Amino acid sequence: MDGFNDDDRLRSIETAARIEAMSARLDFLARSQQVSLRRLRRLPDLTATAIVAAVSKRVLIFLGIGIALGSALGGAGVEVARKLVAIALGVK
């Protein structure tokens, strides 16, 4: 091989080492992203569970009534539901 000397061989070895290091970093990043994606997929479930645990059954019933009235009566149903909930909770 004409033109291939020790400097070229050393550069080739260094390049191979850099490529291997980059490959290892990419593998680490891929594993890290997979862990992050698993956490992100669980986040909505955890958030929904926390909200449901924080809200009492009574409030959920009132929300359900409000949604049903809102659907049945259109825009005016929202106001009617607010008034009914305020009356039921004793809020002025």
PDB file of N, CA and C in Angstrom:
ATOM      1  N   MET A   1       0.843  -1.169   0.000  1.00  0.00           N
ATOM      2  CA  MET A   1       0.000   0.000   0.000  1.00  0.00           C
ATOM      3  C   MET A   1       0.890   1.234   0.000  1.00  0.00           C
ATOM      4  N   ASP A   2       0.857   1.948  -1.065  1.00  0.00           N
ATOM      5  CA  ASP A   2       1.640   3.175  -1.154  1.00  0.00           C
ATOM      6  C   ASP A   2       0.934   4.282  -0.410  1.00  0.00           C
ATOM      7  N   GLY A   3       1.679   5.056   0.364  1.00  0.00           N
ATOM      8  CA  GLY A   3       1.126   6.212   1.037  1.00  0.00           C
ATOM      9  C   GLY A   3       0.534   5.918   2.400  1.00  0.00           C
ATOM     10  N   PHE A   4       0.458   4.671   2.823  1.00  0.00           N
ATOM     11  CA  PHE A   4      -0.099   4.339   4.135  1.00  0.00           C
ATOM     12  C   PHE A   4       1.063   4.144   5.088  1.00  0.00           C
ATOM     13  N   ASN A   5       1.208   5.068   6.063  1.00  0.00           N
ATOM     14  CA  ASN A   5       2.347   4.992   6.974  1.00  0.00           C
ATOM     15  C   ASN A   5       1.885   4.872   8.421  1.00  0.00           C
ATOM     16  N   ASP A   6       2.825   4.990   9.358  1.00  0.00           N
ATOM     17  CA  ASP A   6       2.499   4.833  10.786  1.00  0.00           C
ATOM     18  C   ASP A   6       1.552   5.911  11.291  1.00  0.00           C
ATOM     19  N   ASP A   7       1.715   7.138  10.772  1.00  0.00           N
ATOM     20  CA  ASP A   7       0.800   8.208  11.192  1.00  0.00           C
ATOM     21  C   ASP A   7      -0.642   7.895  10.795  1.00  0.00           C
ATOM     22  N   ASP A   8      -0.805   7.374   9.603  1.00  0.00           N
ATOM     23  CA  ASP A   8      -2.148   6.992   9.156  1.00  0.00           C
ATOM     24  C   ASP A   8      -2.720   5.875  10.032  1.00  0.00           C
ATOM     25  N   ARG A   9      -1.866   4.927  10.379  1.00  0.00           N
ATOM     26  CA  ARG A   9      -2.301   3.812  11.222  1.00  0.00           C
ATOM     27  C   ARG A   9      -2.723   4.337  12.600  1.00  0.00           C
ATOM     28  N   LEU A  10      -1.947   5.251  13.191  1.00  0.00           N
ATOM     29  CA  LEU A  10      -2.292   5.831  14.491  1.00  0.00           C
ATOM     30  C   LEU A  10      -3.597   6.619  14.417  1.00  0.00           C
ATOM     31  N   ARG A  11      -3.764   7.400  13.356  1.00  0.00           N
ATOM     32  CA  ARG A  11      -5.026   8.146  13.181  1.00  0.00           C
ATOM     33  C   ARG A  11      -6.206   7.195  13.055  1.00  0.00           C
ATOM     34  N   SER A  12      -5.993   6.088  12.373  1.00  0.00           N
ATOM     35  CA  SER A  12      -7.057   5.100  12.219  1.00  0.00           C
ATOM     36  C   SER A  12      -7.434   4.500  13.579  1.00  0.00           C
ATOM     37  N   ILE A  13      -6.444   4.203  14.396  1.00  0.00           N
ATOM     38  CA  ILE A  13      -6.702   3.652  15.728  1.00  0.00           C
ATOM     39  C   ILE A  13      -7.434   4.685  16.594  1.00  0.00           C
ATOM     40  N   GLU A  14      -6.991   5.953  16.546  1.00  0.00           N
ATOM     41  CA  GLU A  14      -7.645   7.013  17.318  1.00  0.00           C
ATOM     42  C   GLU A  14      -9.082   7.220  16.869  1.00  0.00           C
ATOM     43  N   THR A  15      -9.292   7.180  15.572  1.00  0.00           N
ATOM     44  CA  THR A  15     -10.650   7.344  15.031  1.00  0.00           C
ATOM     45  C   THR A  15     -11.547   6.196  15.489  1.00  0.00           C
ATOM     46  N   ALA A  16     -11.023   4.983  15.464  1.00  0.00           N
ATOM     47  CA  ALA A  16     -11.799   3.820  15.919  1.00  0.00           C
ATOM     48  C   ALA A  16     -12.159   3.973  17.397  1.00  0.00           C
ATOM     49  N   ALA A  17     -11.214   4.478  18.206  1.00  0.00           N
ATOM     50  CA  ALA A  17     -11.485   4.680  19.635  1.00  0.00           C
ATOM     51  C   ALA A  17     -12.547   5.759  19.836  1.00  0.00           C
ATOM     52  N   ARG A  18     -12.478   6.853  19.056  1.00  0.00           N
ATOM     53  CA  ARG A  18     -13.502   7.906  19.160  1.00  0.00           C
ATOM     54  C   ARG A  18     -14.866   7.386  18.748  1.00  0.00           C
ATOM     55  N   ILE A  19     -14.909   6.596  17.701  1.00  0.00           N
ATOM     56  CA  ILE A  19     -16.187   6.032  17.239  1.00  0.00           C
ATOM     57  C   ILE A  19     -16.766   5.098  18.302  1.00  0.00           C
ATOM     58  N   GLU A  20     -15.909   4.308  18.938  1.00  0.00           N
ATOM     59  CA  GLU A  20     -16.394   3.411  19.985  1.00  0.00           C
ATOM     60  C   GLU A  20     -16.921   4.198  21.186  1.00  0.00           C
ATOM     61  N   ALA A  21     -16.232   5.287  21.554  1.00  0.00           N
ATOM     62  CA  ALA A  21     -16.689   6.127  22.660  1.00  0.00           C
ATOM     63  C   ALA A  21     -18.022   6.784  22.326  1.00  0.00           C
ATOM     64  N   MET A  22     -18.170   7.280  21.104  1.00  0.00           N
ATOM     65  CA  MET A  22     -19.442   7.890  20.690  1.00  0.00           C
ATOM     66  C   MET A  22     -20.554   6.857  20.682  1.00  0.00           C
ATOM     67  N   SER A  23     -20.253   5.649  20.249  1.00  0.00           N
ATOM     68  CA  SER A  23     -21.247   4.580  20.238  1.00  0.00           C
ATOM     69  C   SER A  23     -21.705   4.253  21.653  1.00  0.00           C
ATOM     70  N   ALA A  24     -20.757   4.215  22.589  1.00  0.00           N
ATOM     71  CA  ALA A  24     -21.113   3.945  23.986  1.00  0.00           C
ATOM     72  C   ALA A  24     -21.989   5.065  24.543  1.00  0.00           C
ATOM     73  N   ARG A  25     -21.664   6.327  24.206  1.00  0.00           N
ATOM     74  CA  ARG A  25     -22.495   7.453  24.672  1.00  0.00           C
ATOM     75  C   ARG A  25     -23.896   7.380  24.079  1.00  0.00           C
ATOM     76  N   LEU A  26     -23.973   7.025  22.801  1.00  0.00           N
ATOM     77  CA  LEU A  26     -25.292   6.907  22.167  1.00  0.00           C
ATOM     78  C   LEU A  26     -26.117   5.796  22.816  1.00  0.00           C
ATOM     79  N   ASP A  27     -25.476   4.674  23.147  1.00  0.00           N
ATOM     80  CA  ASP A  27     -26.190   3.594  23.841  1.00  0.00           C
ATOM     81  C   ASP A  27     -26.701   4.067  25.192  1.00  0.00           C
ATOM     82  N   PHE A  28     -25.868   4.817  25.935  1.00  0.00           N
ATOM     83  CA  PHE A  28     -26.280   5.348  27.234  1.00  0.00           C
ATOM     84  C   PHE A  28     -27.453   6.308  27.078  1.00  0.00           C
ATOM     85  N   LEU A  29     -27.384   7.201  26.078  1.00  0.00           N
ATOM     86  CA  LEU A  29     -28.484   8.139  25.843  1.00  0.00           C
ATOM     87  C   LEU A  29     -29.768   7.407  25.480  1.00  0.00           C
ATOM     88  N   ALA A  30     -29.657   6.374  24.672  1.00  0.00           N
ATOM     89  CA  ALA A  30     -30.845   5.608  24.286  1.00  0.00           C
ATOM     90  C   ALA A  30     -31.487   4.966  25.506  1.00  0.00           C
ATOM     91  N   ARG A  31     -30.667   4.372  26.388  1.00  0.00           N
ATOM     92  CA  ARG A  31     -31.221   3.767  27.609  1.00  0.00           C
ATOM     93  C   ARG A  31     -31.854   4.827  28.504  1.00  0.00           C
ATOM     94  N   SER A  32     -31.202   5.978  28.633  1.00  0.00           N
ATOM     95  CA  SER A  32     -31.749   7.059  29.458  1.00  0.00           C
ATOM     96  C   SER A  32     -33.083   7.545  28.917  1.00  0.00           C
ATOM     97  N   GLN A  33     -33.182   7.666  27.620  1.00  0.00           N
ATOM     98  CA  GLN A  33     -34.445   8.125  27.031  1.00  0.00           C
ATOM     99  C   GLN A  33     -35.542   7.095  27.208  1.00  0.00           C
ATOM    100  N   GLN A  34     -35.207   5.817  27.142  1.00  0.00           N
ATOM    101  CA  GLN A  34     -36.227   4.792  27.361  1.00  0.00           C
ATOM    102  C   GLN A  34     -36.776   4.871  28.785  1.00  0.00           C
ATOM    103  N   VAL A  35     -35.890   5.111  29.756  1.00  0.00           N
ATOM    104  CA  VAL A  35     -36.332   5.253  31.145  1.00  0.00           C
ATOM    105  C   VAL A  35     -37.217   6.491  31.276  1.00  0.00           C
ATOM    106  N   SER A  36     -36.810   7.592  30.650  1.00  0.00           N
ATOM    107  CA  SER A  36     -37.605   8.825  30.713  1.00  0.00           C
ATOM    108  C   SER A  36     -38.973   8.628  30.073  1.00  0.00           C
ATOM    109  N   LEU A  37     -39.005   7.939  28.948  1.00  0.00           N
ATOM    110  CA  LEU A  37     -40.290   7.701  28.288  1.00  0.00           C
ATOM    111  C   LEU A  37     -41.211   6.854  29.153  1.00  0.00           C
ATOM    112  N   ARG A  38     -40.650   5.852  29.849  1.00  0.00           N
ATOM    113  CA  ARG A  38     -41.490   5.048  30.744  1.00  0.00           C
ATOM    114  C   ARG A  38     -42.074   5.916  31.852  1.00  0.00           C
ATOM    115  N   ARG A  39     -41.262   6.817  32.398  1.00  0.00           N
ATOM    116  CA  ARG A  39     -41.755   7.713  33.450  1.00  0.00           C
ATOM    117  C   ARG A  39     -42.833   8.637  32.914  1.00  0.00           C
ATOM    118  N   LEU A  40     -42.625   9.166  31.706  1.00  0.00           N
ATOM    119  CA  LEU A  40     -43.607  10.077  31.119  1.00  0.00           C
ATOM    120  C   LEU A  40     -44.913   9.364  30.822  1.00  0.00           C
ATOM    121  N   ARG A  41     -44.839   8.105  30.435  1.00  0.00           N
ATOM    122  CA  ARG A  41     -46.070   7.353  30.164  1.00  0.00           C
ATOM    123  C   ARG A  41     -46.866   7.132  31.456  1.00  0.00           C
ATOM    124  N   ARG A  42     -46.165   6.983  32.580  1.00  0.00           N
ATOM    125  CA  ARG A  42     -46.849   6.753  33.852  1.00  0.00           C
ATOM    126  C   ARG A  42     -47.374   8.038  34.468  1.00  0.00           C
ATOM    127  N   LEU A  43     -46.833   9.187  34.068  1.00  0.00           N
ATOM    128  CA  LEU A  43     -47.191  10.459  34.691  1.00  0.00           C
ATOM    129  C   LEU A  43     -48.684  10.777  34.618  1.00  0.00           C
ATOM    130  N   PRO A  44     -49.354  10.638  33.447  1.00  0.00           N
ATOM    131  CA  PRO A  44     -50.798  10.930  33.415  1.00  0.00           C
ATOM    132  C   PRO A  44     -51.601  10.042  34.371  1.00  0.00           C
ATOM    133  N   ASP A  45     -51.226   8.766  34.480  1.00  0.00           N
ATOM    134  CA  ASP A  45     -51.931   7.874  35.401  1.00  0.00           C
ATOM    135  C   ASP A  45     -51.746   8.326  36.842  1.00  0.00           C
ATOM    136  N   LEU A  46     -50.510   8.690  37.189  1.00  0.00           N
ATOM    137  CA  LEU A  46     -50.247   9.136  38.556  1.00  0.00           C
ATOM    138  C   LEU A  46     -50.975  10.436  38.862  1.00  0.00           C
ATOM    139  N   THR A  47     -51.008  11.351  37.881  1.00  0.00           N
ATOM    140  CA  THR A  47     -51.695  12.628  38.075  1.00  0.00           C
ATOM    141  C   THR A  47     -53.190  12.406  38.250  1.00  0.00           C
ATOM    142  N   ALA A  48     -53.769  11.576  37.405  1.00  0.00           N
ATOM    143  CA  ALA A  48     -55.208  11.299  37.504  1.00  0.00           C
ATOM    144  C   ALA A  48     -55.526  10.644  38.845  1.00  0.00           C
ATOM    145  N   THR A  49     -54.691   9.736  39.293  1.00  0.00           N
ATOM    146  CA  THR A  49     -54.916   9.079  40.578  1.00  0.00           C
ATOM    147  C   THR A  49     -54.854  10.081  41.715  1.00  0.00           C
ATOM    148  N   ALA A  50     -53.885  10.995  41.657  1.00  0.00           N
ATOM    149  CA  ALA A  50     -53.763  12.001  42.712  1.00  0.00           C
ATOM    150  C   ALA A  50     -54.965  12.931  42.735  1.00  0.00           C
ATOM    151  N   ILE A  51     -55.464  13.310  41.562  1.00  0.00           N
ATOM    152  CA  ILE A  51     -56.629  14.204  41.495  1.00  0.00           C
ATOM    153  C   ILE A  51     -57.860  13.506  42.049  1.00  0.00           C
ATOM    154  N   VAL A  52     -58.063  12.267  41.650  1.00  0.00           N
ATOM    155  CA  VAL A  52     -59.235  11.528  42.123  1.00  0.00           C
ATOM    156  C   VAL A  52     -59.155  11.315  43.633  1.00  0.00           C
ATOM    157  N   ALA A  53     -57.958  11.047  44.138  1.00  0.00           N
ATOM    158  CA  ALA A  53     -57.808  10.853  45.580  1.00  0.00           C
ATOM    159  C   ALA A  53     -58.063  12.155  46.336  1.00  0.00           C
ATOM    160  N   ALA A  54     -57.729  13.287  45.740  1.00  0.00           N
ATOM    161  CA  ALA A  54     -57.892  14.575  46.416  1.00  0.00           C
ATOM    162  C   ALA A  54     -59.333  15.073  46.395  1.00  0.00           C
ATOM    163  N   VAL A  55     -60.089  14.665  45.407  1.00  0.00           N
ATOM    164  CA  VAL A  55     -61.459  15.148  45.260  1.00  0.00           C
ATOM    165  C   VAL A  55     -62.408  14.150  45.922  1.00  0.00           C
ATOM    166  N   SER A  56     -63.296  14.671  46.748  1.00  0.00           N
ATOM    167  CA  SER A  56     -64.228  13.790  47.440  1.00  0.00           C
ATOM    168  C   SER A  56     -65.314  13.291  46.490  1.00  0.00           C
ATOM    169  N   LYS A  57     -65.999  12.245  46.920  1.00  0.00           N
ATOM    170  CA  LYS A  57     -67.082  11.685  46.108  1.00  0.00           C
ATOM    171  C   LYS A  57     -68.210  12.694  45.935  1.00  0.00           C
ATOM    172  N   ARG A  58     -68.437  13.477  46.968  1.00  0.00           N
ATOM    173  CA  ARG A  58     -69.509  14.481  46.901  1.00  0.00           C
ATOM    174  C   ARG A  58     -69.233  15.494  45.791  1.00  0.00           C
ATOM    175  N   VAL A  59     -68.011  15.957  45.724  1.00  0.00           N
ATOM    176  CA  VAL A  59     -67.651  16.919  44.685  1.00  0.00           C
ATOM    177  C   VAL A  59     -67.747  16.274  43.308  1.00  0.00           C
ATOM    178  N   LEU A  60     -67.330  15.009  43.201  1.00  0.00           N
ATOM    179  CA  LEU A  60     -67.431  14.313  41.919  1.00  0.00           C
ATOM    180  C   LEU A  60     -68.888  14.189  41.467  1.00  0.00           C
ATOM    181  N   ILE A  61     -69.779  13.943  42.412  1.00  0.00           N
ATOM    182  CA  ILE A  61     -71.207  13.856  42.075  1.00  0.00           C
ATOM    183  C   ILE A  61     -71.711  15.203  41.562  1.00  0.00           C
ATOM    184  N   PHE A  62     -71.321  16.284  42.251  1.00  0.00           N
ATOM    185  CA  PHE A  62     -71.732  17.619  41.804  1.00  0.00           C
ATOM    186  C   PHE A  62     -71.141  17.957  40.430  1.00  0.00           C
ATOM    187  N   LEU A  63     -69.901  17.556  40.211  1.00  0.00           N
ATOM    188  CA  LEU A  63     -69.310  17.787  38.882  1.00  0.00           C
ATOM    189  C   LEU A  63     -70.070  17.015  37.806  1.00  0.00           C
ATOM    190  N   GLY A  64     -70.427  15.782  38.120  1.00  0.00           N
ATOM    191  CA  GLY A  64     -71.190  14.977  37.168  1.00  0.00           C
ATOM    192  C   GLY A  64     -72.542  15.597  36.864  1.00  0.00           C
ATOM    193  N   ILE A  65     -73.211  16.094  37.913  1.00  0.00           N
ATOM    194  CA  ILE A  65     -74.502  16.760  37.704  1.00  0.00           C
ATOM    195  C   ILE A  65     -74.312  18.011  36.848  1.00  0.00           C
ATOM    196  N   GLY A  66     -73.275  18.758  37.144  1.00  0.00           N
ATOM    197  CA  GLY A  66     -73.007  19.971  36.360  1.00  0.00           C
ATOM    198  C   GLY A  66     -72.727  19.667  34.900  1.00  0.00           C
ATOM    199  N   ILE A  67     -71.974  18.629  34.646  1.00  0.00           N
ATOM    200  CA  ILE A  67     -71.692  18.249  33.256  1.00  0.00           C
ATOM    201  C   ILE A  67     -72.962  17.793  32.556  1.00  0.00           C
ATOM    202  N   ALA A  68     -73.778  17.002  33.268  1.00  0.00           N
ATOM    203  CA  ALA A  68     -75.029  16.520  32.661  1.00  0.00           C
ATOM    204  C   ALA A  68     -75.962  17.677  32.358  1.00  0.00           C
ATOM    205  N   LEU A  69     -76.127  18.605  33.309  1.00  0.00           N
ATOM    206  CA  LEU A  69     -76.992  19.764  33.064  1.00  0.00           C
ATOM    207  C   LEU A  69     -76.423  20.654  31.959  1.00  0.00           C
ATOM    208  N   GLY A  70     -75.106  20.818  31.981  1.00  0.00           N
ATOM    209  CA  GLY A  70     -74.480  21.634  30.944  1.00  0.00           C
ATOM    210  C   GLY A  70     -74.705  21.060  29.565  1.00  0.00           C
ATOM    211  N   SER A  71     -74.639  19.749  29.467  1.00  0.00           N
ATOM    212  CA  SER A  71     -74.882  19.105  28.172  1.00  0.00           C
ATOM    213  C   SER A  71     -76.353  19.221  27.772  1.00  0.00           C
ATOM    214  N   ALA A  72     -77.238  19.067  28.754  1.00  0.00           N
ATOM    215  CA  ALA A  72     -78.666  19.084  28.448  1.00  0.00           C
ATOM    216  C   ALA A  72     -79.154  20.481  28.095  1.00  0.00           C
ATOM    217  N   LEU A  73     -78.663  21.491  28.786  1.00  0.00           N
ATOM    218  CA  LEU A  73     -79.199  22.834  28.610  1.00  0.00           C
ATOM    219  C   LEU A  73     -78.316  23.764  27.776  1.00  0.00           C
ATOM    220  N   GLY A  74     -77.197  23.292  27.365  1.00  0.00           N
ATOM    221  CA  GLY A  74     -76.302  24.153  26.592  1.00  0.00           C
ATOM    222  C   GLY A  74     -75.566  25.110  27.511  1.00  0.00           C
ATOM    223  N   GLY A  75     -75.292  26.319  27.048  1.00  0.00           N
ATOM    224  CA  GLY A  75     -74.547  27.308  27.825  1.00  0.00           C
ATOM    225  C   GLY A  75     -75.235  27.712  29.106  1.00  0.00           C
ATOM    226  N   ALA A  76     -76.552  27.767  29.093  1.00  0.00           N
ATOM    227  CA  ALA A  76     -77.290  28.150  30.292  1.00  0.00           C
ATOM    228  C   ALA A  76     -77.171  27.079  31.367  1.00  0.00           C
ATOM    229  N   GLY A  77     -76.931  25.855  30.984  1.00  0.00           N
ATOM    230  CA  GLY A  77     -76.806  24.759  31.935  1.00  0.00           C
ATOM    231  C   GLY A  77     -75.629  24.931  32.864  1.00  0.00           C
ATOM    232  N   VAL A  78     -74.578  25.544  32.383  1.00  0.00           N
ATOM    233  CA  VAL A  78     -73.405  25.779  33.223  1.00  0.00           C
ATOM    234  C   VAL A  78     -73.774  26.715  34.368  1.00  0.00           C
ATOM    235  N   GLU A  79     -74.484  27.779  34.056  1.00  0.00           N
ATOM    236  CA  GLU A  79     -74.891  28.730  35.098  1.00  0.00           C
ATOM    237  C   GLU A  79     -75.862  28.089  36.076  1.00  0.00           C
ATOM    238  N   VAL A  80     -76.796  27.299  35.572  1.00  0.00           N
ATOM    239  CA  VAL A  80     -77.753  26.612  36.447  1.00  0.00           C
ATOM    240  C   VAL A  80     -77.005  25.652  37.371  1.00  0.00           C
ATOM    241  N   ALA A  81     -76.045  24.938  36.835  1.00  0.00           N
ATOM    242  CA  ALA A  81     -75.279  23.990  37.638  1.00  0.00           C
ATOM    243  C   ALA A  81     -74.481  24.720  38.707  1.00  0.00           C
ATOM    244  N   ARG A  82     -73.909  25.863  38.368  1.00  0.00           N
ATOM    245  CA  ARG A  82     -73.174  26.651  39.367  1.00  0.00           C
ATOM    246  C   ARG A  82     -74.084  27.065  40.518  1.00  0.00           C
ATOM    247  N   LYS A  83     -75.258  27.543  40.173  1.00  0.00           N
ATOM    248  CA  LYS A  83     -76.199  27.972  41.211  1.00  0.00           C
ATOM    249  C   LYS A  83     -76.626  26.789  42.088  1.00  0.00           C
ATOM    250  N   LEU A  84     -76.913  25.656  41.455  1.00  0.00           N
ATOM    251  CA  LEU A  84     -77.338  24.475  42.233  1.00  0.00           C
ATOM    252  C   LEU A  84     -76.216  23.982  43.162  1.00  0.00           C
ATOM    253  N   VAL A  85     -75.006  23.994  42.655  1.00  0.00           N
ATOM    254  CA  VAL A  85     -73.888  23.554  43.491  1.00  0.00           C
ATOM    255  C   VAL A  85     -73.660  24.538  44.626  1.00  0.00           C
ATOM    256  N   ALA A  86     -73.774  25.836  44.345  1.00  0.00           N
ATOM    257  CA  ALA A  86     -73.608  26.852  45.382  1.00  0.00           C
ATOM    258  C   ALA A  86     -74.674  26.695  46.457  1.00  0.00           C
ATOM    259  N   ILE A  87     -75.914  26.416  46.034  1.00  0.00           N
ATOM    260  CA  ILE A  87     -76.998  26.209  47.000  1.00  0.00           C
ATOM    261  C   ILE A  87     -76.754  24.947  47.817  1.00  0.00           C
ATOM    262  N   ALA A  88     -76.354  23.870  47.140  1.00  0.00           N
ATOM    263  CA  ALA A  88     -76.141  22.606  47.835  1.00  0.00           C
ATOM    264  C   ALA A  88     -74.989  22.686  48.822  1.00  0.00           C
ATOM    265  N   LEU A  89     -73.963  23.442  48.504  1.00  0.00           N
ATOM    266  CA  LEU A  89     -72.816  23.569  49.392  1.00  0.00           C
ATOM    267  C   LEU A  89     -73.000  24.673  50.427  1.00  0.00           C
ATOM    268  N   GLY A  90     -74.049  25.462  50.278  1.00  0.00           N
ATOM    269  CA  GLY A  90     -74.323  26.543  51.216  1.00  0.00           C
ATOM    270  C   GLY A  90     -73.416  27.733  51.019  1.00  0.00           C
ATOM    271  N   VAL A  91     -72.915  27.919  49.817  1.00  0.00           N
ATOM    272  CA  VAL A  91     -72.027  29.049  49.492  1.00  0.00           C
ATOM    273  C   VAL A  91     -72.899  30.188  48.973  1.00  0.00           C
ATOM    274  N   LYS A  92     -72.600  31.407  49.440  1.00  0.00           N
ATOM    275  CA  LYS A  92     -73.382  32.555  48.956  1.00  0.00           C
ATOM    276  C   LYS A  92     -72.683  33.269  47.859  1.00  0.00           C
TER     277      LYS A  92
END
